[in-house]
Protein backbone atom coordinates (compact mmCIF):
# COMPACT_ATOMS: atom_id res chain seq x y z
CA MET A 1 39.45 -4.23 12.69
CA THR A 2 39.67 -3.48 9.02
CA THR A 3 38.21 -6.03 6.56
CA THR A 4 39.71 -6.86 3.23
CA THR A 5 36.80 -5.08 1.40
CA GLU A 6 37.39 -1.86 3.43
CA MET A 7 41.06 -1.97 2.69
CA SER A 8 40.31 -2.44 -1.07
CA GLN A 9 37.97 0.53 -1.05
CA GLU A 10 40.46 2.66 0.79
CA GLN A 11 43.21 1.64 -1.71
CA GLN A 12 40.88 2.67 -4.53
CA VAL A 13 40.25 6.11 -2.99
CA THR A 14 43.92 6.73 -2.48
CA THR A 15 45.22 5.25 -5.75
CA GLY A 16 45.91 7.87 -8.36
CA ALA A 17 45.37 7.63 -12.04
CA THR A 18 45.52 9.74 -15.12
CA VAL A 19 42.45 9.71 -17.39
CA TRP A 20 43.26 11.59 -20.75
CA LEU A 21 40.18 12.53 -22.71
CA THR A 22 41.24 13.32 -26.29
CA GLY A 23 38.96 14.45 -29.03
CA LEU A 24 38.09 17.47 -31.23
CA PRO A 25 37.35 20.97 -29.97
CA SER A 26 33.86 21.06 -28.50
CA ALA A 27 33.61 17.20 -28.43
CA GLY A 28 32.55 17.29 -24.81
CA LYS A 29 35.86 16.31 -23.10
CA THR A 30 35.71 18.97 -20.44
CA THR A 31 32.04 18.51 -19.67
CA ILE A 32 32.43 14.79 -19.27
CA ALA A 33 35.58 15.30 -17.04
CA HIS A 34 33.77 17.64 -14.69
CA GLU A 35 30.80 15.33 -14.42
CA LEU A 36 33.00 12.40 -13.59
CA ALA A 37 35.07 14.58 -11.10
CA GLY A 38 31.95 15.42 -9.19
CA ARG A 39 31.03 11.62 -8.93
CA LEU A 40 34.49 10.64 -7.87
CA ARG A 41 34.65 13.37 -5.28
CA GLU A 42 31.38 12.18 -3.82
CA GLU A 43 32.98 8.83 -3.36
CA GLY A 44 35.93 10.30 -1.48
CA HIS A 45 38.54 10.43 -4.16
CA ARG A 46 41.05 13.23 -4.56
CA VAL A 47 40.42 14.64 -8.07
CA GLU A 48 41.81 17.36 -10.27
CA VAL A 49 40.80 18.37 -13.79
CA LEU A 50 43.65 19.69 -15.97
CA ASP A 51 41.77 21.82 -18.33
CA GLY A 52 43.69 22.48 -21.57
CA ASP A 53 42.66 26.15 -21.83
CA GLU A 54 43.80 26.78 -18.20
CA ILE A 55 47.09 25.03 -18.80
CA ARG A 56 47.75 27.05 -21.94
CA GLU A 57 47.11 30.25 -19.96
CA PHE A 58 49.22 29.45 -16.89
CA LEU A 59 51.89 26.89 -17.96
CA SER A 60 52.18 27.12 -21.70
CA SER A 61 51.38 30.78 -22.48
CA GLY A 62 54.40 31.21 -24.64
CA LEU A 63 53.58 28.34 -26.96
CA GLY A 64 51.71 28.47 -30.29
CA PHE A 65 49.98 25.78 -32.15
CA SER A 66 52.73 24.32 -34.34
CA ARG A 67 53.25 20.58 -34.05
CA GLU A 68 56.30 21.08 -32.01
CA ASP A 69 54.54 23.51 -29.60
CA ARG A 70 51.64 21.23 -29.36
CA PHE A 71 53.99 18.34 -28.46
CA THR A 72 55.67 20.51 -25.73
CA ASN A 73 52.37 21.48 -24.28
CA VAL A 74 51.05 17.84 -24.11
CA GLN A 75 54.34 16.76 -22.46
CA ARG A 76 54.03 19.53 -19.82
CA ILE A 77 50.51 18.43 -19.06
CA GLY A 78 51.58 14.73 -19.06
CA PHE A 79 54.29 15.48 -16.53
CA LEU A 80 52.02 17.35 -14.26
CA ALA A 81 49.21 14.59 -14.63
CA GLU A 82 51.69 11.82 -13.81
CA LEU A 83 53.02 13.84 -10.73
CA LEU A 84 49.52 14.23 -9.41
CA ALA A 85 48.46 10.61 -10.15
CA ARG A 86 51.59 9.27 -8.56
CA ASN A 87 50.59 11.08 -5.37
CA GLY A 88 47.11 9.51 -5.14
CA VAL A 89 45.03 11.98 -7.30
CA LYS A 90 42.72 10.98 -9.99
CA THR A 91 43.77 13.36 -12.66
CA LEU A 92 41.35 14.01 -15.52
CA VAL A 93 42.86 15.52 -18.53
CA PRO A 94 40.39 16.92 -21.21
CA VAL A 95 42.99 18.01 -23.65
CA ILE A 96 42.86 17.51 -27.44
CA ALA A 97 46.40 16.19 -27.94
CA PRO A 98 46.02 15.69 -31.67
CA TYR A 99 49.08 13.63 -32.38
CA THR A 100 49.59 10.01 -31.54
CA ASP A 101 53.28 10.46 -30.78
CA SER A 102 52.71 13.04 -28.07
CA ARG A 103 49.95 10.84 -26.47
CA GLU A 104 52.28 7.83 -26.55
CA ALA A 105 55.05 9.74 -24.88
CA VAL A 106 52.69 10.59 -22.06
CA ARG A 107 51.57 6.96 -21.80
CA LYS A 108 55.18 5.78 -21.66
CA ARG A 109 56.00 8.39 -18.86
CA HIS A 110 53.18 6.83 -16.81
CA GLN A 111 54.25 3.23 -17.61
CA THR A 112 57.88 4.03 -16.60
CA GLY A 113 56.58 5.41 -13.30
CA GLY A 114 54.12 2.61 -12.82
CA THR A 115 51.25 5.02 -12.66
CA PRO A 116 47.77 3.98 -14.00
CA TYR A 117 46.97 5.70 -17.28
CA LEU A 118 43.74 5.52 -19.38
CA GLU A 119 43.21 7.02 -22.76
CA VAL A 120 39.63 7.93 -23.64
CA HIS A 121 38.62 9.00 -27.09
CA VAL A 122 35.60 11.32 -27.08
CA ALA A 123 34.69 10.51 -30.57
CA THR A 124 32.37 13.29 -31.59
CA PRO A 125 32.05 13.89 -35.32
CA VAL A 126 33.38 17.31 -36.52
CA GLU A 127 29.84 18.14 -37.74
CA VAL A 128 28.40 17.83 -34.21
CA CYS A 129 31.44 19.70 -32.80
CA SER A 130 30.94 22.58 -35.14
CA VAL A 131 27.26 22.94 -34.14
CA ARG A 132 28.25 22.87 -30.47
CA ASP A 133 31.05 25.34 -31.15
CA VAL A 134 31.27 26.36 -27.45
CA LYS A 135 34.27 28.69 -28.06
CA GLY A 136 33.12 29.97 -31.48
CA LEU A 137 36.29 28.30 -33.02
CA TYR A 138 34.60 26.62 -35.92
CA ALA A 139 32.69 29.83 -36.91
CA LYS A 140 36.06 31.79 -36.76
CA GLN A 141 37.75 29.24 -38.91
CA ALA A 142 34.85 29.23 -41.45
CA ALA A 143 35.11 33.08 -41.57
CA GLY A 144 38.86 32.88 -42.21
CA GLU A 145 39.63 34.58 -38.88
CA ILE A 146 41.79 31.68 -37.63
CA SER A 147 43.53 28.68 -39.15
CA GLY A 148 45.03 25.57 -37.70
CA LEU A 149 41.84 24.27 -36.15
CA THR A 150 42.18 20.64 -35.19
CA GLY A 151 40.20 18.32 -37.25
CA VAL A 152 39.37 21.08 -39.83
CA ASP A 153 42.46 22.49 -41.36
CA ASP A 154 45.01 20.88 -38.89
CA PRO A 155 45.31 17.16 -38.31
CA TYR A 156 43.72 15.07 -35.54
CA GLU A 157 45.05 11.53 -35.35
CA GLU A 158 42.37 9.42 -33.70
CA PRO A 159 43.54 6.89 -31.08
CA GLU A 160 43.59 3.46 -32.73
CA SER A 161 42.91 1.49 -29.62
CA PRO A 162 41.88 3.77 -26.63
CA ASP A 163 40.95 2.22 -23.32
CA LEU A 164 37.42 3.59 -24.02
CA ARG A 165 35.66 5.27 -26.91
CA ILE A 166 32.78 7.66 -25.92
CA GLU A 167 30.48 8.78 -28.64
CA SER A 168 29.10 11.78 -26.72
CA HIS A 169 26.70 12.73 -29.63
CA THR A 170 24.73 9.60 -28.97
CA GLN A 171 24.41 9.73 -25.20
CA THR A 172 24.05 12.21 -22.32
CA VAL A 173 26.91 13.63 -20.39
CA GLN A 174 25.84 11.49 -17.42
CA GLU A 175 25.85 8.30 -19.58
CA SER A 176 29.31 9.26 -20.86
CA ALA A 177 30.62 9.89 -17.34
CA ALA A 178 29.04 6.66 -16.16
CA ALA A 179 30.77 4.64 -18.91
CA LEU A 180 34.08 6.18 -17.82
CA HIS A 181 33.36 5.46 -14.10
CA ALA A 182 32.55 1.87 -15.06
CA LEU A 183 35.99 1.52 -16.74
CA LEU A 184 37.68 2.98 -13.69
CA THR A 185 35.89 0.53 -11.47
CA GLU A 186 36.73 -2.39 -13.83
CA ARG A 187 40.35 -1.42 -13.56
CA GLY A 188 40.18 -1.21 -9.71
CA LEU A 189 40.63 2.57 -9.68
CA ALA A 190 37.17 3.64 -8.49
């Protein structure tokens, strides 16, 4: 016989959701997403991480970095995330998504489908991101080799009221992932 608690835990494991981690390049979005993914998998959740670089390579390779192309890229990712989440997958999306309107369109897609959606702002200051500079983007921009770097010479519109704001420069990756896990738990999703 299955108890109410067991059914609730089973429902949490099979309920999908999209967790969109937005923030500047090198803010720590992907690192936090992978840390959280490991923890959720250990608990029995089905999890996918939709990495922005991989999506650009495989689904959006023809797009540039104009506002219109960025909007299209975010909508493609949002469609895929909602599809996975609707089918019981915890979908972690560490993607910059610099514009409010594109993030709101993704949120509305999820609301229309009744699919849980959380927006997480990884609020790392540009000065910290440029020191981390995992991909060398800030150095290339400073050297004049590239332009259009989000948060430097291209806009980044910070979320006004995200479901969670993580200041990754003041805590460890594990602490950041734990804060996000706590939010999922609070919302009945973990």
